[in-house]
Amino acid sequence: MSYSEKKPSLFWPVILIVVGTILLLSNFGILPPGSINLLWRFWPLLLVVAGLDILLGRRSAFGAVITTIVTLALIAGVVYAVFSWTSSPEALKNIVSRQIQRQTVQVPLAGVTSADIFIDLPAGPARISPLSDSASLIEGDIRYFGNLYFDTEVTGEHASVSLDSRTDQFLFSVGDIPTGDMQNWELKLHPRVALDLTLDAGSGVADVDLSGLDIRML
């Protein structure tokens, strides 16, 4: 009776050893700040090397050796790239700044006397304060990651405004990379409009000055 012997795969042992080593170095503070999250951005390479392991590594011992060499080469290239970025503050800042977008938001007052306003604040710094001498219900300068969702609806003298930013990319976060005030919201509201105001501060730092605003519900 003949049977085919399943060849042992070196893929998962190599991956576990590398991941364990990286996490250990991070726990001891040996890796530069931001390196772990930058490494996670290369997670699609796991699919590449897994595919190589299925095609070659499980067919023969020679294929397993080739897959292991390719996997180690890819890991070495990724680690080198990450260390190059994290050792250069300017390079790291450029990586983060390319992900930052900026937009000015504004809703004309146009006879509005009351408004429902929902604001989901970012993880970065944010400031909310009253407007002065403006013909706008809300004005703002926003720097954000991902996508900005700014929805407005005006019915007669009443307005509804929703402002939110979300990241729709997998493992987008840059975590402990120092971004300073790169992701920053500056918003101002009209002081003479009756507001039902909902703020979701999340984990961010917000400086909220509601003095002078006509807040009916918060």
C-alpha atoms as a PDB file:
ATOM      1  CA  MET A   1       0.000   0.000   0.000  1.00  0.00           C
ATOM      2  CA  SER A   2       1.397   3.346  -1.012  1.00  0.00           C
ATOM      3  CA  TYR A   3       0.785   6.653   0.645  1.00  0.00           C
ATOM      4  CA  SER A   4       2.185  10.154   0.348  1.00  0.00           C
ATOM      5  CA  GLU A   5       4.026  11.445   3.349  1.00  0.00           C
ATOM      6  CA  LYS A   6       3.177  15.033   4.272  1.00  0.00           C
ATOM      7  CA  LYS A   7       6.296  17.170   4.298  1.00  0.00           C
ATOM      8  CA  PRO A   8       6.895  19.223   7.445  1.00  0.00           C
ATOM      9  CA  SER A   9       6.494  22.967   7.016  1.00  0.00           C
ATOM     10  CA  LEU A  10       9.012  25.437   8.380  1.00  0.00           C
ATOM     11  CA  PHE A  11       6.754  28.417   7.736  1.00  0.00           C
ATOM     12  CA  TRP A  12       4.902  28.680  11.045  1.00  0.00           C
ATOM     13  CA  PRO A  13       7.904  27.881  13.264  1.00  0.00           C
ATOM     14  CA  VAL A  14       9.915  30.624  11.542  1.00  0.00           C
ATOM     15  CA  ILE A  15       7.046  33.124  11.810  1.00  0.00           C
ATOM     16  CA  LEU A  16       6.485  32.338  15.500  1.00  0.00           C
ATOM     17  CA  ILE A  17      10.190  32.693  16.289  1.00  0.00           C
ATOM     18  CA  VAL A  18      10.436  36.034  14.475  1.00  0.00           C
ATOM     19  CA  VAL A  19       7.221  37.465  15.973  1.00  0.00           C
ATOM     20  CA  GLY A  20       8.199  36.319  19.461  1.00  0.00           C
ATOM     21  CA  THR A  21      11.640  37.884  19.112  1.00  0.00           C
ATOM     22  CA  ILE A  22      10.188  41.195  17.914  1.00  0.00           C
ATOM     23  CA  LEU A  23       7.667  41.369  20.770  1.00  0.00           C
ATOM     24  CA  LEU A  24      10.372  40.500  23.292  1.00  0.00           C
ATOM     25  CA  LEU A  25      12.664  43.247  21.990  1.00  0.00           C
ATOM     26  CA  SER A  26       9.751  45.692  22.119  1.00  0.00           C
ATOM     27  CA  ASN A  27       8.911  44.778  25.727  1.00  0.00           C
ATOM     28  CA  PHE A  28      12.500  45.483  26.753  1.00  0.00           C
ATOM     29  CA  GLY A  29      12.500  48.833  24.950  1.00  0.00           C
ATOM     30  CA  ILE A  30      15.202  47.802  22.496  1.00  0.00           C
ATOM     31  CA  LEU A  31      13.133  48.568  19.396  1.00  0.00           C
ATOM     32  CA  PRO A  32      12.717  52.258  18.468  1.00  0.00           C
ATOM     33  CA  PRO A  33       9.354  53.963  19.203  1.00  0.00           C
ATOM     34  CA  GLY A  34       6.768  53.297  16.517  1.00  0.00           C
ATOM     35  CA  SER A  35       8.536  50.246  15.108  1.00  0.00           C
ATOM     36  CA  ILE A  36       5.873  47.696  16.127  1.00  0.00           C
ATOM     37  CA  ASN A  37       3.032  49.536  14.428  1.00  0.00           C
ATOM     38  CA  LEU A  38       5.109  50.141  11.330  1.00  0.00           C
ATOM     39  CA  LEU A  39       5.907  46.417  11.218  1.00  0.00           C
ATOM     40  CA  TRP A  40       2.201  45.570  11.383  1.00  0.00           C
ATOM     41  CA  ARG A  41       1.642  47.632   8.238  1.00  0.00           C
ATOM     42  CA  PHE A  42       3.471  44.891   6.323  1.00  0.00           C
ATOM     43  CA  TRP A  43       1.001  42.184   7.388  1.00  0.00           C
ATOM     44  CA  PRO A  44       0.031  41.351   3.721  1.00  0.00           C
ATOM     45  CA  LEU A  45       3.487  39.786   3.351  1.00  0.00           C
ATOM     46  CA  LEU A  46       2.237  36.992   5.611  1.00  0.00           C
ATOM     47  CA  LEU A  47      -0.194  36.055   2.839  1.00  0.00           C
ATOM     48  CA  VAL A  48       2.653  36.056   0.325  1.00  0.00           C
ATOM     49  CA  VAL A  49       4.908  33.750   2.316  1.00  0.00           C
ATOM     50  CA  ALA A  50       1.947  31.538   3.299  1.00  0.00           C
ATOM     51  CA  GLY A  51       1.193  31.109  -0.393  1.00  0.00           C
ATOM     52  CA  LEU A  52       4.817  30.218  -1.088  1.00  0.00           C
ATOM     53  CA  ASP A  53       4.707  27.665   1.712  1.00  0.00           C
ATOM     54  CA  ILE A  54       1.611  26.028   0.215  1.00  0.00           C
ATOM     55  CA  LEU A  55       3.064  25.985  -3.306  1.00  0.00           C
ATOM     56  CA  LEU A  56       6.628  24.954  -2.493  1.00  0.00           C
ATOM     57  CA  GLY A  57       7.289  24.342   1.150  1.00  0.00           C
ATOM     58  CA  ARG A  58       4.950  21.389   1.594  1.00  0.00           C
ATOM     59  CA  ARG A  59       5.996  19.558  -1.564  1.00  0.00           C
ATOM     60  CA  SER A  60       9.619  18.777  -0.792  1.00  0.00           C
ATOM     61  CA  ALA A  61      12.452  19.457   1.604  1.00  0.00           C
ATOM     62  CA  PHE A  62      14.125  21.599  -1.048  1.00  0.00           C
ATOM     63  CA  GLY A  63      10.932  23.650  -1.431  1.00  0.00           C
ATOM     64  CA  ALA A  64      10.769  24.114   2.334  1.00  0.00           C
ATOM     65  CA  VAL A  65      14.336  25.427   2.358  1.00  0.00           C
ATOM     66  CA  ILE A  66      13.601  27.852  -0.508  1.00  0.00           C
ATOM     67  CA  THR A  67      10.435  29.104   1.238  1.00  0.00           C
ATOM     68  CA  THR A  68      12.343  29.616   4.499  1.00  0.00           C
ATOM     69  CA  ILE A  69      15.114  31.566   2.748  1.00  0.00           C
ATOM     70  CA  VAL A  70      12.603  33.792   0.934  1.00  0.00           C
ATOM     71  CA  THR A  71      10.651  34.352   4.168  1.00  0.00           C
ATOM     72  CA  LEU A  72      13.767  35.313   6.101  1.00  0.00           C
ATOM     73  CA  ALA A  73      14.883  37.631   3.292  1.00  0.00           C
ATOM     74  CA  LEU A  74      11.504  39.402   3.271  1.00  0.00           C
ATOM     75  CA  ILE A  75      11.516  39.734   7.061  1.00  0.00           C
ATOM     76  CA  ALA A  76      15.063  41.108   7.012  1.00  0.00           C
ATOM     77  CA  GLY A  77      14.077  43.674   4.367  1.00  0.00           C
ATOM     78  CA  VAL A  78      11.035  44.784   6.354  1.00  0.00           C
ATOM     79  CA  VAL A  79      12.997  45.073   9.606  1.00  0.00           C
ATOM     80  CA  TYR A  80      15.726  47.056   7.867  1.00  0.00           C
ATOM     81  CA  ALA A  81      13.161  49.441   6.350  1.00  0.00           C
ATOM     82  CA  VAL A  82      11.398  49.962   9.685  1.00  0.00           C
ATOM     83  CA  PHE A  83      14.643  50.605  11.554  1.00  0.00           C
ATOM     84  CA  SER A  84      15.696  53.080   8.846  1.00  0.00           C
ATOM     85  CA  TRP A  85      12.414  54.988   9.221  1.00  0.00           C
ATOM     86  CA  THR A  86      12.317  54.983  13.024  1.00  0.00           C
ATOM     87  CA  SER A  87      15.953  56.060  13.323  1.00  0.00           C
ATOM     88  CA  SER A  88      15.212  59.156  11.239  1.00  0.00           C
ATOM     89  CA  PRO A  89      12.661  61.526  12.858  1.00  0.00           C
ATOM     90  CA  GLU A  90      12.201  63.451   9.610  1.00  0.00           C
ATOM     91  CA  ALA A  91      11.530  60.293   7.591  1.00  0.00           C
ATOM     92  CA  LEU A  92       9.042  59.090  10.203  1.00  0.00           C
ATOM     93  CA  LYS A  93       7.327  62.467  10.220  1.00  0.00           C
ATOM     94  CA  ASN A  94       7.021  62.348   6.423  1.00  0.00           C
ATOM     95  CA  ILE A  95       5.388  58.905   6.585  1.00  0.00           C
ATOM     96  CA  VAL A  96       2.795  60.163   9.050  1.00  0.00           C
ATOM     97  CA  SER A  97       2.235  63.520   7.351  1.00  0.00           C
ATOM     98  CA  ARG A  98       1.407  61.833   4.034  1.00  0.00           C
ATOM     99  CA  GLN A  99      -1.559  60.250   5.794  1.00  0.00           C
ATOM    100  CA  ILE A 100      -2.801  63.549   7.241  1.00  0.00           C
ATOM    101  CA  GLN A 101      -5.487  65.382   5.285  1.00  0.00           C
ATOM    102  CA  ARG A 102      -6.791  68.877   5.837  1.00  0.00           C
ATOM    103  CA  GLN A 103     -10.232  70.313   5.223  1.00  0.00           C
ATOM    104  CA  THR A 104     -12.124  73.479   6.120  1.00  0.00           C
ATOM    105  CA  VAL A 105     -15.742  72.929   7.169  1.00  0.00           C
ATOM    106  CA  GLN A 106     -18.413  75.620   7.239  1.00  0.00           C
ATOM    107  CA  VAL A 107     -22.207  75.793   7.449  1.00  0.00           C
ATOM    108  CA  PRO A 108     -23.891  79.147   6.649  1.00  0.00           C
ATOM    109  CA  LEU A 109     -26.232  80.490   9.317  1.00  0.00           C
ATOM    110  CA  ALA A 110     -28.904  81.431   6.742  1.00  0.00           C
ATOM    111  CA  GLY A 111     -31.677  82.064   9.260  1.00  0.00           C
ATOM    112  CA  VAL A 112     -31.010  78.980  11.399  1.00  0.00           C
ATOM    113  CA  THR A 113     -32.099  79.489  15.029  1.00  0.00           C
ATOM    114  CA  SER A 114     -31.667  75.944  16.398  1.00  0.00           C
ATOM    115  CA  ALA A 115     -29.443  72.997  15.577  1.00  0.00           C
ATOM    116  CA  ASP A 116     -28.643  69.414  16.509  1.00  0.00           C
ATOM    117  CA  ILE A 117     -24.873  68.991  16.311  1.00  0.00           C
ATOM    118  CA  PHE A 118     -22.986  65.715  16.709  1.00  0.00           C
ATOM    119  CA  ILE A 119     -19.186  65.848  16.803  1.00  0.00           C
ATOM    120  CA  ASP A 120     -17.041  62.724  17.127  1.00  0.00           C
ATOM    121  CA  LEU A 121     -13.688  64.147  18.153  1.00  0.00           C
ATOM    122  CA  PRO A 122     -10.413  62.564  16.986  1.00  0.00           C
ATOM    123  CA  ALA A 123      -7.702  60.870  19.009  1.00  0.00           C
ATOM    124  CA  GLY A 124      -5.557  63.957  18.496  1.00  0.00           C
ATOM    125  CA  PRO A 125      -6.005  67.389  20.081  1.00  0.00           C
ATOM    126  CA  ALA A 126      -9.273  69.249  19.491  1.00  0.00           C
ATOM    127  CA  ARG A 127     -10.625  72.641  20.460  1.00  0.00           C
ATOM    128  CA  ILE A 128     -14.234  73.866  20.428  1.00  0.00           C
ATOM    129  CA  SER A 129     -15.090  77.510  21.121  1.00  0.00           C
ATOM    130  CA  PRO A 130     -17.724  80.168  20.296  1.00  0.00           C
ATOM    131  CA  LEU A 131     -17.724  82.115  17.048  1.00  0.00           C
ATOM    132  CA  SER A 132     -17.646  85.894  17.019  1.00  0.00           C
ATOM    133  CA  ASP A 133     -19.046  88.188  14.327  1.00  0.00           C
ATOM    134  CA  SER A 134     -19.691  85.378  11.874  1.00  0.00           C
ATOM    135  CA  ALA A 135     -22.486  84.470   9.489  1.00  0.00           C
ATOM    136  CA  SER A 136     -21.810  80.760   9.988  1.00  0.00           C
ATOM    137  CA  LEU A 137     -23.430  78.152  12.203  1.00  0.00           C
ATOM    138  CA  ILE A 138     -20.163  76.237  12.439  1.00  0.00           C
ATOM    139  CA  GLU A 139     -16.656  76.842  11.124  1.00  0.00           C
ATOM    140  CA  GLY A 140     -13.609  74.683  11.457  1.00  0.00           C
ATOM    141  CA  ASP A 141     -10.169  73.705  10.273  1.00  0.00           C
ATOM    142  CA  ILE A 142      -9.637  69.952  10.489  1.00  0.00           C
ATOM    143  CA  ARG A 143      -6.561  67.788  10.044  1.00  0.00           C
ATOM    144  CA  TYR A 144      -7.419  64.114  10.147  1.00  0.00           C
ATOM    145  CA  PHE A 145      -6.557  60.506   9.270  1.00  0.00           C
ATOM    146  CA  GLY A 146      -8.721  58.371   6.998  1.00  0.00           C
ATOM    147  CA  ASN A 147     -12.046  59.745   5.788  1.00  0.00           C
ATOM    148  CA  LEU A 148     -14.018  62.763   6.969  1.00  0.00           C
ATOM    149  CA  TYR A 149     -17.810  62.511   7.153  1.00  0.00           C
ATOM    150  CA  PHE A 150     -19.429  65.953   7.278  1.00  0.00           C
ATOM    151  CA  ASP A 151     -23.215  65.792   6.858  1.00  0.00           C
ATOM    152  CA  THR A 152     -25.540  68.780   7.081  1.00  0.00           C
ATOM    153  CA  GLU A 153     -29.291  69.163   6.672  1.00  0.00           C
ATOM    154  CA  VAL A 154     -31.245  72.410   7.006  1.00  0.00           C
ATOM    155  CA  THR A 155     -35.033  72.385   7.361  1.00  0.00           C
ATOM    156  CA  GLY A 156     -36.494  75.835   7.790  1.00  0.00           C
ATOM    157  CA  GLU A 157     -34.860  77.388  10.854  1.00  0.00           C
ATOM    158  CA  HIS A 158     -33.434  74.097  12.136  1.00  0.00           C
ATOM    159  CA  ALA A 159     -30.174  72.448  11.117  1.00  0.00           C
ATOM    160  CA  SER A 160     -28.637  69.031  11.754  1.00  0.00           C
ATOM    161  CA  VAL A 161     -24.859  68.651  11.551  1.00  0.00           C
ATOM    162  CA  SER A 162     -22.771  65.496  11.957  1.00  0.00           C
ATOM    163  CA  LEU A 163     -18.971  65.552  11.901  1.00  0.00           C
ATOM    164  CA  ASP A 164     -16.883  62.424  12.173  1.00  0.00           C
ATOM    165  CA  SER A 165     -13.626  60.960  10.891  1.00  0.00           C
ATOM    166  CA  ARG A 166     -12.986  57.252  10.522  1.00  0.00           C
ATOM    167  CA  THR A 167     -10.130  55.110   9.312  1.00  0.00           C
ATOM    168  CA  ASP A 168     -11.389  52.353   7.035  1.00  0.00           C
ATOM    169  CA  GLN A 169      -7.980  50.732   6.486  1.00  0.00           C
ATOM    170  CA  PHE A 170      -6.920  47.607   8.351  1.00  0.00           C
ATOM    171  CA  LEU A 171      -4.237  48.277  10.963  1.00  0.00           C
ATOM    172  CA  PHE A 172      -4.031  51.918   9.942  1.00  0.00           C
ATOM    173  CA  SER A 173      -3.058  53.221  13.358  1.00  0.00           C
ATOM    174  CA  VAL A 174       0.425  54.539  13.871  1.00  0.00           C
ATOM    175  CA  GLY A 175       0.073  54.066  17.629  1.00  0.00           C
ATOM    176  CA  ASP A 176       3.085  55.322  19.525  1.00  0.00           C
ATOM    177  CA  ILE A 177       4.583  57.274  16.631  1.00  0.00           C
ATOM    178  CA  PRO A 178       4.831  60.859  17.934  1.00  0.00           C
ATOM    179  CA  THR A 179       2.500  62.924  15.737  1.00  0.00           C
ATOM    180  CA  GLY A 180       2.264  66.005  17.959  1.00  0.00           C
ATOM    181  CA  ASP A 181      -0.665  68.149  16.875  1.00  0.00           C
ATOM    182  CA  MET A 182      -0.654  66.880  13.280  1.00  0.00           C
ATOM    183  CA  GLN A 183      -4.191  65.513  13.700  1.00  0.00           C
ATOM    184  CA  ASN A 184      -5.887  68.593  15.092  1.00  0.00           C
ATOM    185  CA  TRP A 185      -9.463  69.928  15.033  1.00  0.00           C
ATOM    186  CA  GLU A 186     -10.308  73.603  15.510  1.00  0.00           C
ATOM    187  CA  LEU A 187     -14.093  74.116  15.597  1.00  0.00           C
ATOM    188  CA  LYS A 188     -16.217  77.152  16.406  1.00  0.00           C
ATOM    189  CA  LEU A 189     -19.999  77.351  16.933  1.00  0.00           C
ATOM    190  CA  HIS A 190     -22.392  80.281  16.661  1.00  0.00           C
ATOM    191  CA  PRO A 191     -23.202  81.671  20.127  1.00  0.00           C
ATOM    192  CA  ARG A 192     -26.807  82.732  19.392  1.00  0.00           C
ATOM    193  CA  VAL A 193     -28.189  79.451  18.015  1.00  0.00           C
ATOM    194  CA  ALA A 194     -29.978  77.073  20.378  1.00  0.00           C
ATOM    195  CA  LEU A 195     -27.874  73.915  20.341  1.00  0.00           C
ATOM    196  CA  ASP A 196     -28.512  70.278  21.174  1.00  0.00           C
ATOM    197  CA  LEU A 197     -24.840  69.344  21.284  1.00  0.00           C
ATOM    198  CA  THR A 198     -23.441  65.809  21.392  1.00  0.00           C
ATOM    199  CA  LEU A 199     -19.679  65.385  21.830  1.00  0.00           C
ATOM    200  CA  ASP A 200     -17.871  62.062  21.665  1.00  0.00           C
ATOM    201  CA  ALA A 201     -14.435  62.793  23.069  1.00  0.00           C
ATOM    202  CA  GLY A 202     -13.153  59.210  22.810  1.00  0.00           C
ATOM    203  CA  SER A 203      -9.547  58.902  23.982  1.00  0.00           C
ATOM    204  CA  GLY A 204      -8.415  62.251  22.632  1.00  0.00           C
ATOM    205  CA  VAL A 205      -7.508  65.501  24.375  1.00  0.00           C
ATOM    206  CA  ALA A 206     -10.204  68.151  23.942  1.00  0.00           C
ATOM    207  CA  ASP A 207     -10.289  71.794  25.022  1.00  0.00           C
ATOM    208  CA  VAL A 208     -14.003  72.611  25.032  1.00  0.00           C
ATOM    209  CA  ASP A 209     -15.123  76.166  25.815  1.00  0.00           C
ATOM    210  CA  LEU A 210     -18.929  76.303  25.947  1.00  0.00           C
ATOM    211  CA  SER A 211     -19.134  79.691  27.618  1.00  0.00           C
ATOM    212  CA  GLY A 212     -21.244  82.057  25.567  1.00  0.00           C
ATOM    213  CA  LEU A 213     -22.977  79.271  23.632  1.00  0.00           C
ATOM    214  CA  ASP A 214     -26.734  78.741  23.845  1.00  0.00           C
ATOM    215  CA  ILE A 215     -26.674  75.088  24.940  1.00  0.00           C
ATOM    216  CA  ARG A 216     -30.155  73.601  25.407  1.00  0.00           C
ATOM    217  CA  MET A 217     -28.970  70.004  25.764  1.00  0.00           C
ATOM    218  CA  LEU A 218     -25.460  68.533  26.087  1.00  0.00           C
END
